[in-house]
C-alpha atoms as a PDB file:
ATOM      1  CA  UNK A   1      92.712 129.300  99.778  1.00  0.00           C
ATOM      2  CA  UNK A   2      93.665 125.912  98.345  1.00  0.00           C
ATOM      3  CA  UNK A   3      92.819 125.295  94.722  1.00  0.00           C
ATOM      4  CA  UNK A   4      90.177 122.650  94.140  1.00  0.00           C
ATOM      5  CA  UNK A   5      89.242 121.093  90.797  1.00  0.00           C
ATOM      6  CA  UNK A   6      85.936 122.137  89.232  1.00  0.00           C
ATOM      7  CA  UNK A   7      83.110 119.635  89.739  1.00  0.00           C
ATOM      8  CA  UNK A   8      83.146 116.922  87.083  1.00  0.00           C
ATOM      9  CA  UNK A   9      86.679 117.616  85.883  1.00  0.00           C
ATOM     10  CA  UNK A  10      89.175 114.762  85.982  1.00  0.00           C
ATOM     11  CA  UNK A  11      92.452 115.904  87.539  1.00  0.00           C
ATOM     12  CA  UNK A  12      95.681 113.928  87.532  1.00  0.00           C
ATOM     13  CA  UNK A  13      97.052 112.964  90.903  1.00  0.00           C
ATOM     14  CA  UNK A  14     100.348 114.813  91.262  1.00  0.00           C
ATOM     15  CA  UNK A  15     102.865 113.419  93.748  1.00  0.00           C
ATOM     16  CA  UNK A  16     105.925 115.511  94.587  1.00  0.00           C
ATOM     17  CA  UNK A  17     108.710 113.172  95.671  1.00  0.00           C
ATOM     18  CA  UNK A  18     112.109 113.760  97.236  1.00  0.00           C
ATOM     19  CA  UNK A  19     113.917 112.203  94.300  1.00  0.00           C
ATOM     20  CA  UNK A  20     113.984 109.530  91.642  1.00  0.00           C
ATOM     21  CA  UNK A  21     114.455 106.666  94.091  1.00  0.00           C
ATOM     22  CA  UNK A  22     111.310 107.548  96.021  1.00  0.00           C
ATOM     23  CA  UNK A  23     109.298 107.713  92.808  1.00  0.00           C
ATOM     24  CA  UNK A  24     110.718 104.369  91.713  1.00  0.00           C
ATOM     25  CA  UNK A  25     109.729 102.701  94.979  1.00  0.00           C
ATOM     26  CA  UNK A  26     106.162 104.043  94.819  1.00  0.00           C
ATOM     27  CA  UNK A  27     105.582 102.868  91.260  1.00  0.00           C
ATOM     28  CA  UNK A  28     107.289  99.514  91.877  1.00  0.00           C
ATOM     29  CA  UNK A  29     104.947  98.862  94.818  1.00  0.00           C
ATOM     30  CA  UNK A  30     101.962  99.654  92.603  1.00  0.00           C
ATOM     31  CA  UNK A  31     103.164  97.309  89.855  1.00  0.00           C
ATOM     32  CA  UNK A  32     103.884  94.531  92.353  1.00  0.00           C
ATOM     33  CA  UNK A  33     100.379  94.853  93.819  1.00  0.00           C
ATOM     34  CA  UNK A  34      98.938  94.691  90.305  1.00  0.00           C
ATOM     35  CA  UNK A  35     100.833  91.472  89.506  1.00  0.00           C
ATOM     36  CA  UNK A  36      99.828  89.910  92.830  1.00  0.00           C
ATOM     37  CA  UNK A  37      96.172  90.608  92.007  1.00  0.00           C
ATOM     38  CA  UNK A  38      96.505  89.798  88.304  1.00  0.00           C
ATOM     39  CA  UNK A  39      99.365  87.392  87.469  1.00  0.00           C
ATOM     40  CA  UNK A  40      98.938  87.975  83.719  1.00  0.00           C
ATOM     41  CA  UNK A  41      99.091  91.763  84.070  1.00  0.00           C
ATOM     42  CA  UNK A  42     100.016  93.784  80.981  1.00  0.00           C
ATOM     43  CA  UNK A  43     102.652  96.481  81.494  1.00  0.00           C
ATOM     44  CA  UNK A  44     103.323  99.436  79.206  1.00  0.00           C
ATOM     45  CA  UNK A  45     107.087  99.914  79.206  1.00  0.00           C
ATOM     46  CA  UNK A  46     108.885 103.197  78.594  1.00  0.00           C
ATOM     47  CA  UNK A  47     112.591 103.435  77.821  1.00  0.00           C
ATOM     48  CA  UNK A  48     115.160 106.148  78.466  1.00  0.00           C
ATOM     49  CA  UNK A  49     116.644 107.164  81.798  1.00  0.00           C
ATOM     50  CA  UNK A  50     113.411 108.338  83.479  1.00  0.00           C
ATOM     51  CA  UNK A  51     111.797 104.931  84.211  1.00  0.00           C
ATOM     52  CA  UNK A  52     115.031 103.231  85.307  1.00  0.00           C
ATOM     53  CA  UNK A  53     114.394 103.850  89.043  1.00  0.00           C
ATOM     54  CA  UNK A  54     111.083 101.996  88.672  1.00  0.00           C
ATOM     55  CA  UNK A  55     112.670  98.955  87.067  1.00  0.00           C
ATOM     56  CA  UNK A  56     115.507  98.947  89.593  1.00  0.00           C
ATOM     57  CA  UNK A  57     113.132  99.157  92.554  1.00  0.00           C
ATOM     58  CA  UNK A  58     110.902  96.429  91.149  1.00  0.00           C
ATOM     59  CA  UNK A  59     113.903  94.177  90.514  1.00  0.00           C
ATOM     60  CA  UNK A  60     115.006  94.615  94.137  1.00  0.00           C
ATOM     61  CA  UNK A  61     111.515  93.865  95.384  1.00  0.00           C
ATOM     62  CA  UNK A  62     111.290  90.681  93.318  1.00  0.00           C
ATOM     63  CA  UNK A  63     114.729  89.569  94.517  1.00  0.00           C
ATOM     64  CA  UNK A  64     113.844  90.137  98.175  1.00  0.00           C
ATOM     65  CA  UNK A  65     110.336  88.675  97.941  1.00  0.00           C
ATOM     66  CA  UNK A  66     110.057  86.438  94.848  1.00  0.00           C
ATOM     67  CA  UNK A  67     106.845  86.621  92.864  1.00  0.00           C
ATOM     68  CA  UNK A  68     105.834  84.608  89.816  1.00  0.00           C
ATOM     69  CA  UNK A  69     106.072  87.002  86.863  1.00  0.00           C
ATOM     70  CA  UNK A  70     106.128  84.337  84.144  1.00  0.00           C
ATOM     71  CA  UNK A  71     102.680  85.322  82.862  1.00  0.00           C
ATOM     72  CA  UNK A  72     103.281  89.074  82.832  1.00  0.00           C
ATOM     73  CA  UNK A  73     103.154  90.702  79.399  1.00  0.00           C
ATOM     74  CA  UNK A  74     104.787  93.943  78.363  1.00  0.00           C
ATOM     75  CA  UNK A  75     104.506  96.369  75.460  1.00  0.00           C
ATOM     76  CA  UNK A  76     107.165  98.963  74.733  1.00  0.00           C
ATOM     77  CA  UNK A  77     106.049 102.441  73.746  1.00  0.00           C
ATOM     78  CA  UNK A  78     108.196 102.803  70.668  1.00  0.00           C
ATOM     79  CA  UNK A  79     111.110 101.759  68.501  1.00  0.00           C
ATOM     80  CA  UNK A  80     113.474 103.369  66.029  1.00  0.00           C
ATOM     81  CA  UNK A  81     112.962 102.607  62.359  1.00  0.00           C
ATOM     82  CA  UNK A  82     115.793 101.077  60.377  1.00  0.00           C
ATOM     83  CA  UNK A  83     118.306 100.158  63.077  1.00  0.00           C
ATOM     84  CA  UNK A  84     120.004  96.838  62.325  1.00  0.00           C
ATOM     85  CA  UNK A  85     118.828  93.843  64.340  1.00  0.00           C
ATOM     86  CA  UNK A  86     120.778  93.595  67.579  1.00  0.00           C
ATOM     87  CA  UNK A  87     121.784  97.267  67.645  1.00  0.00           C
ATOM     88  CA  UNK A  88     122.497  98.042  71.336  1.00  0.00           C
ATOM     89  CA  UNK A  89     120.373 101.218  71.267  1.00  0.00           C
ATOM     90  CA  UNK A  90     117.337  99.654  69.644  1.00  0.00           C
ATOM     91  CA  UNK A  91     114.528  99.674  72.149  1.00  0.00           C
ATOM     92  CA  UNK A  92     114.238  95.910  71.780  1.00  0.00           C
ATOM     93  CA  UNK A  93     117.807  95.651  73.111  1.00  0.00           C
ATOM     94  CA  UNK A  94     117.198  98.263  75.806  1.00  0.00           C
ATOM     95  CA  UNK A  95     114.008  96.586  77.073  1.00  0.00           C
ATOM     96  CA  UNK A  96     115.764  93.199  77.137  1.00  0.00           C
ATOM     97  CA  UNK A  97     118.750  94.638  78.985  1.00  0.00           C
ATOM     98  CA  UNK A  98     116.972  96.905  81.473  1.00  0.00           C
ATOM     99  CA  UNK A  99     113.618  95.206  82.046  1.00  0.00           C
ATOM    100  CA  UNK A 100     113.304  91.597  80.876  1.00  0.00           C
ATOM    101  CA  UNK A 101     116.566  90.383  82.354  1.00  0.00           C
ATOM    102  CA  UNK A 102     116.518  92.208  85.715  1.00  0.00           C
ATOM    103  CA  UNK A 103     112.843  91.406  86.383  1.00  0.00           C
ATOM    104  CA  UNK A 104     112.999  87.826  85.141  1.00  0.00           C
ATOM    105  CA  UNK A 105     110.143  88.303  82.671  1.00  0.00           C
ATOM    106  CA  UNK A 106     109.358  85.763  79.962  1.00  0.00           C
ATOM    107  CA  UNK A 107     111.035  87.144  76.804  1.00  0.00           C
ATOM    108  CA  UNK A 108     108.296  85.845  74.497  1.00  0.00           C
ATOM    109  CA  UNK A 109     105.727  87.887  76.435  1.00  0.00           C
ATOM    110  CA  UNK A 110     107.500  91.203  75.890  1.00  0.00           C
ATOM    111  CA  UNK A 111     106.646  93.074  72.712  1.00  0.00           C
ATOM    112  CA  UNK A 112     108.328  95.989  70.942  1.00  0.00           C
ATOM    113  CA  UNK A 113     107.042  97.708  67.776  1.00  0.00           C
ATOM    114  CA  UNK A 114     108.690  96.303  64.664  1.00  0.00           C
ATOM    115  CA  UNK A 115     110.982  98.941  63.165  1.00  0.00           C
ATOM    116  CA  UNK A 116     112.197  96.769  60.278  1.00  0.00           C
ATOM    117  CA  UNK A 117     111.777  98.658  57.010  1.00  0.00           C
ATOM    118  CA  UNK A 118     110.533  95.653  55.034  1.00  0.00           C
ATOM    119  CA  UNK A 119     107.394  95.247  57.187  1.00  0.00           C
ATOM    120  CA  UNK A 120     106.938  98.838  58.315  1.00  0.00           C
ATOM    121  CA  UNK A 121     103.710  99.437  56.387  1.00  0.00           C
ATOM    122  CA  UNK A 122     101.767  96.961  58.535  1.00  0.00           C
ATOM    123  CA  UNK A 123     103.774  97.235  61.760  1.00  0.00           C
ATOM    124  CA  UNK A 124     101.436  99.748  63.418  1.00  0.00           C
ATOM    125  CA  UNK A 125      98.275  97.735  62.827  1.00  0.00           C
ATOM    126  CA  UNK A 126     100.048  94.550  63.895  1.00  0.00           C
ATOM    127  CA  UNK A 127     101.074  96.142  67.193  1.00  0.00           C
ATOM    128  CA  UNK A 128      97.593  97.454  67.911  1.00  0.00           C
ATOM    129  CA  UNK A 129      96.206  93.964  67.320  1.00  0.00           C
ATOM    130  CA  UNK A 130      98.775  92.411  69.678  1.00  0.00           C
ATOM    131  CA  UNK A 131      97.840  94.855  72.465  1.00  0.00           C
ATOM    132  CA  UNK A 132      94.148  94.088  71.990  1.00  0.00           C
ATOM    133  CA  UNK A 133      94.754  90.328  72.013  1.00  0.00           C
ATOM    134  CA  UNK A 134      96.652  90.672  75.316  1.00  0.00           C
ATOM    135  CA  UNK A 135      93.596  92.330  76.867  1.00  0.00           C
ATOM    136  CA  UNK A 136      94.889  95.910  76.841  1.00  0.00           C
ATOM    137  CA  UNK A 137      97.545  97.594  78.970  1.00  0.00           C
ATOM    138  CA  UNK A 138      96.917  97.733  82.712  1.00  0.00           C
ATOM    139  CA  UNK A 139      99.548 100.296  83.701  1.00  0.00           C
ATOM    140  CA  UNK A 140     101.471 102.479  81.247  1.00  0.00           C
ATOM    141  CA  UNK A 141     104.746 103.968  82.427  1.00  0.00           C
ATOM    142  CA  UNK A 142     105.536 107.272  80.733  1.00  0.00           C
ATOM    143  CA  UNK A 143     108.262 109.865  80.596  1.00  0.00           C
ATOM    144  CA  UNK A 144     107.844 113.244  78.922  1.00  0.00           C
ATOM    145  CA  UNK A 145     110.171 115.055  76.564  1.00  0.00           C
ATOM    146  CA  UNK A 146     111.079 118.725  76.631  1.00  0.00           C
ATOM    147  CA  UNK A 147     108.794 119.198  73.618  1.00  0.00           C
ATOM    148  CA  UNK A 148     105.975 117.660  75.638  1.00  0.00           C
ATOM    149  CA  UNK A 149     106.060 114.413  73.718  1.00  0.00           C
ATOM    150  CA  UNK A 150     104.772 111.143  75.173  1.00  0.00           C
ATOM    151  CA  UNK A 151     106.409 108.157  73.545  1.00  0.00           C
ATOM    152  CA  UNK A 152     107.504 109.669  70.261  1.00  0.00           C
ATOM    153  CA  UNK A 153     104.271 111.614  69.777  1.00  0.00           C
ATOM    154  CA  UNK A 154     105.732 114.989  68.875  1.00  0.00           C
ATOM    155  CA  UNK A 155     103.713 118.254  68.967  1.00  0.00           C
ATOM    156  CA  UNK A 156     100.910 118.094  66.425  1.00  0.00           C
ATOM    157  CA  UNK A 157     100.076 114.457  67.131  1.00  0.00           C
ATOM    158  CA  UNK A 158      96.394 113.581  67.126  1.00  0.00           C
ATOM    159  CA  UNK A 159      94.863 112.564  70.440  1.00  0.00           C
ATOM    160  CA  UNK A 160      93.125 109.754  68.515  1.00  0.00           C
ATOM    161  CA  UNK A 161      96.348 108.471  66.940  1.00  0.00           C
ATOM    162  CA  UNK A 162      97.295 104.802  67.078  1.00  0.00           C
ATOM    163  CA  UNK A 163     100.651 103.067  66.591  1.00  0.00           C
ATOM    164  CA  UNK A 164     102.303 104.568  63.520  1.00  0.00           C
ATOM    165  CA  UNK A 165     105.466 106.005  61.950  1.00  0.00           C
ATOM    166  CA  UNK A 166     106.597 109.457  63.089  1.00  0.00           C
ATOM    167  CA  UNK A 167     109.427 111.815  62.135  1.00  0.00           C
ATOM    168  CA  UNK A 168     111.429 112.758  65.218  1.00  0.00           C
ATOM    169  CA  UNK A 169     111.773 116.419  66.112  1.00  0.00           C
ATOM    170  CA  UNK A 170     115.312 117.771  65.916  1.00  0.00           C
ATOM    171  CA  UNK A 171     115.262 118.572  69.656  1.00  0.00           C
ATOM    172  CA  UNK A 172     114.315 114.959  70.404  1.00  0.00           C
ATOM    173  CA  UNK A 173     117.144 113.655  68.243  1.00  0.00           C
ATOM    174  CA  UNK A 174     119.588 115.952  70.042  1.00  0.00           C
ATOM    175  CA  UNK A 175     118.292 114.769  73.430  1.00  0.00           C
ATOM    176  CA  UNK A 176     118.708 111.124  72.397  1.00  0.00           C
ATOM    177  CA  UNK A 177     122.162 111.655  70.873  1.00  0.00           C
ATOM    178  CA  UNK A 178     123.758 110.803  74.227  1.00  0.00           C
ATOM    179  CA  UNK A 179     122.953 107.171  73.487  1.00  0.00           C
ATOM    180  CA  UNK A 180     124.562 107.279  70.021  1.00  0.00           C
ATOM    181  CA  UNK A 181     127.899 108.296  68.524  1.00  0.00           C
ATOM    182  CA  UNK A 182     126.495 111.640  67.343  1.00  0.00           C
ATOM    183  CA  UNK A 183     123.169 113.442  66.707  1.00  0.00           C
ATOM    184  CA  UNK A 184     123.454 112.408  63.065  1.00  0.00           C
ATOM    185  CA  UNK A 185     123.462 108.749  64.149  1.00  0.00           C
ATOM    186  CA  UNK A 186     120.028 109.027  65.756  1.00  0.00           C
ATOM    187  CA  UNK A 187     117.418 107.641  63.334  1.00  0.00           C
ATOM    188  CA  UNK A 188     115.121 110.166  61.687  1.00  0.00           C
ATOM    189  CA  UNK A 189     112.009 108.014  62.041  1.00  0.00           C
ATOM    190  CA  UNK A 190     110.374 105.866  64.684  1.00  0.00           C
ATOM    191  CA  UNK A 191     107.297 103.748  65.232  1.00  0.00           C
ATOM    192  CA  UNK A 192     105.372 104.741  68.332  1.00  0.00           C
ATOM    193  CA  UNK A 193     102.187 103.975  70.164  1.00  0.00           C
ATOM    194  CA  UNK A 194      99.783 106.803  69.429  1.00  0.00           C
ATOM    195  CA  UNK A 195      98.225 109.093  71.996  1.00  0.00           C
ATOM    196  CA  UNK A 196      94.956 107.258  71.454  1.00  0.00           C
ATOM    197  CA  UNK A 197      96.722 103.968  72.187  1.00  0.00           C
ATOM    198  CA  UNK A 198      98.263 105.378  75.358  1.00  0.00           C
ATOM    199  CA  UNK A 199      94.907 106.740  76.546  1.00  0.00           C
ATOM    200  CA  UNK A 200      93.382 103.257  76.337  1.00  0.00           C
ATOM    201  CA  UNK A 201      95.672 101.996  79.115  1.00  0.00           C
ATOM    202  CA  UNK A 202      93.835 101.595  82.407  1.00  0.00           C
ATOM    203  CA  UNK A 203      96.334 103.573  84.502  1.00  0.00           C
ATOM    204  CA  UNK A 204      98.883 106.129  83.301  1.00  0.00           C
ATOM    205  CA  UNK A 205     101.971 106.793  85.415  1.00  0.00           C
ATOM    206  CA  UNK A 206     104.012 109.775  84.246  1.00  0.00           C
ATOM    207  CA  UNK A 207     107.436 110.449  85.759  1.00  0.00           C
ATOM    208  CA  UNK A 208     109.626 113.521  85.327  1.00  0.00           C
ATOM    209  CA  UNK A 209     112.729 114.745  87.100  1.00  0.00           C
ATOM    210  CA  UNK A 210     114.768 117.919  86.826  1.00  0.00           C
ATOM    211  CA  UNK A 211     114.101 121.554  86.003  1.00  0.00           C
ATOM    212  CA  UNK A 212     114.356 120.909  82.262  1.00  0.00           C
ATOM    213  CA  UNK A 213     111.017 119.059  82.461  1.00  0.00           C
ATOM    214  CA  UNK A 214     109.193 121.709  84.515  1.00  0.00           C
ATOM    215  CA  UNK A 215     107.627 123.483  81.553  1.00  0.00           C
ATOM    216  CA  UNK A 216     106.435 120.276  79.918  1.00  0.00           C
ATOM    217  CA  UNK A 217     104.925 119.032  83.180  1.00  0.00           C
ATOM    218  CA  UNK A 218     103.093 122.311  83.819  1.00  0.00           C
ATOM    219  CA  UNK A 219     101.682 122.249  80.291  1.00  0.00           C
ATOM    220  CA  UNK A 220     100.659 118.607  80.591  1.00  0.00           C
ATOM    221  CA  UNK A 221      98.946 118.896  83.973  1.00  0.00           C
ATOM    222  CA  UNK A 222      97.597 122.450  84.041  1.00  0.00           C
ATOM    223  CA  UNK A 223      97.793 123.791  80.493  1.00  0.00           C
ATOM    224  CA  UNK A 224      95.232 123.840  77.718  1.00  0.00           C
ATOM    225  CA  UNK A 225      94.432 120.533  76.070  1.00  0.00           C
ATOM    226  CA  UNK A 226      96.173 120.918  72.753  1.00  0.00           C
ATOM    227  CA  UNK A 227      97.936 118.830  70.127  1.00  0.00           C
ATOM    228  CA  UNK A 228     100.735 121.385  70.442  1.00  0.00           C
ATOM    229  CA  UNK A 229     101.355 119.898  73.889  1.00  0.00           C
ATOM    230  CA  UNK A 230     100.969 116.109  73.497  1.00  0.00           C
ATOM    231  CA  UNK A 231     101.427 115.612  77.236  1.00  0.00           C
ATOM    232  CA  UNK A 232      98.156 117.432  77.872  1.00  0.00           C
ATOM    233  CA  UNK A 233      96.385 114.309  76.576  1.00  0.00           C
ATOM    234  CA  UNK A 234      96.675 112.911  80.111  1.00  0.00           C
ATOM    235  CA  UNK A 235      93.955 115.354  81.163  1.00  0.00           C
ATOM    236  CA  UNK A 236      91.504 113.212  79.167  1.00  0.00           C
ATOM    237  CA  UNK A 237      92.274 110.042  81.155  1.00  0.00           C
ATOM    238  CA  UNK A 238      90.355 109.021  84.307  1.00  0.00           C
ATOM    239  CA  UNK A 239      93.316 107.517  86.202  1.00  0.00           C
ATOM    240  CA  UNK A 240      96.630 109.343  85.945  1.00  0.00           C
ATOM    241  CA  UNK A 241      99.450 109.566  88.466  1.00  0.00           C
ATOM    242  CA  UNK A 242     102.203 112.131  87.892  1.00  0.00           C
ATOM    243  CA  UNK A 243     105.350 111.697  89.996  1.00  0.00           C
ATOM    244  CA  UNK A 244     107.796 114.605  89.913  1.00  0.00           C
ATOM    245  CA  UNK A 245     110.684 115.882  91.990  1.00  0.00           C
ATOM    246  CA  UNK A 246     110.781 119.429  93.337  1.00  0.00           C
ATOM    247  CA  UNK A 247     112.579 120.767  90.249  1.00  0.00           C
ATOM    248  CA  UNK A 248     110.147 119.254  87.754  1.00  0.00           C
ATOM    249  CA  UNK A 249     107.219 120.505  89.866  1.00  0.00           C
ATOM    250  CA  UNK A 250     108.552 124.060  90.117  1.00  0.00           C
ATOM    251  CA  UNK A 251     106.315 125.565  87.406  1.00  0.00           C
ATOM    252  CA  UNK A 252     103.047 124.089  88.697  1.00  0.00           C
ATOM    253  CA  UNK A 253     100.548 126.714  89.826  1.00  0.00           C
ATOM    254  CA  UNK A 254      98.515 124.443  92.084  1.00  0.00           C
ATOM    255  CA  UNK A 255     101.444 122.950  93.961  1.00  0.00           C
ATOM    256  CA  UNK A 256      99.935 123.591  97.396  1.00  0.00           C
ATOM    257  CA  UNK A 257      96.841 121.571  96.547  1.00  0.00           C
ATOM    258  CA  UNK A 258      98.846 118.627  95.211  1.00  0.00           C
ATOM    259  CA  UNK A 259     100.902 118.480  98.397  1.00  0.00           C
ATOM    260  CA  UNK A 260      97.771 118.761 100.548  1.00  0.00           C
ATOM    261  CA  UNK A 261      95.919 116.046  98.619  1.00  0.00           C
ATOM    262  CA  UNK A 262      98.834 113.610  98.837  1.00  0.00           C
ATOM    263  CA  UNK A 263      99.378 114.274 102.547  1.00  0.00           C
ATOM    264  CA  UNK A 264      95.707 113.574 103.254  1.00  0.00           C
ATOM    265  CA  UNK A 265      95.200 110.637 100.915  1.00  0.00           C
ATOM    266  CA  UNK A 266      93.416 107.634 102.495  1.00  0.00           C
ATOM    267  CA  UNK A 267      95.914 105.015 103.634  1.00  0.00           C
ATOM    268  CA  UNK A 268      94.056 102.266 101.747  1.00  0.00           C
ATOM    269  CA  UNK A 269      94.210 104.075  98.419  1.00  0.00           C
ATOM    270  CA  UNK A 270      97.219 103.283  96.226  1.00  0.00           C
ATOM    271  CA  UNK A 271      98.546 105.540  93.490  1.00  0.00           C
END
């Protein structure tokens, strides 16, 4: 018998894809449709390697069929604290290099939390205000860490949390060391959108690839809702799409239902 969600329970849509490119194309189509319907759409931008297929696919789409994106706004999930201005691994630099330039977005419309130490005490509140003034985030792209973190919300983060300073878990620093000279070079602190901030976005799109993410995905989608698993916060949101490859989906109990639901989804219904 196929598993079906209990009546009244919100369940994330889980899409098992053949690989990163397929996931990127699906999300890029969704973002393009959003911009066509709402030229001043507000995008929530994740960094790292996971969302790159989305940005690449969207860049190709915009090159092949140009679309006015001059009014699009974007808000990055997080930033390191204390990196010098212009550091190539600051998320400001990464977003400029991997998103703003390739997509042709207006630089002034793209926002990143301020990790400068001299203004850090008000940076979280300032970022929350900027998101509110932009009208809120329409679609939030997310990756998930091996610890289950969304953004830099490590285990123990409050589901009501807003943009604030966090201390990075050692495992997260080790994972991010590939972008730096050594693990010791990875900053100890960051400023990140909170789980409460993320949950206010109108549509959450979570991507994960590879067996190393299987446990975190299973906990996020099917596990208990717990601050010990920050990813499980997505279970509280009414519109979530989780795109995973076979390896990242391998620990999901209800895999048969997810495949069945996707195969029988109405043609008019986007992700």
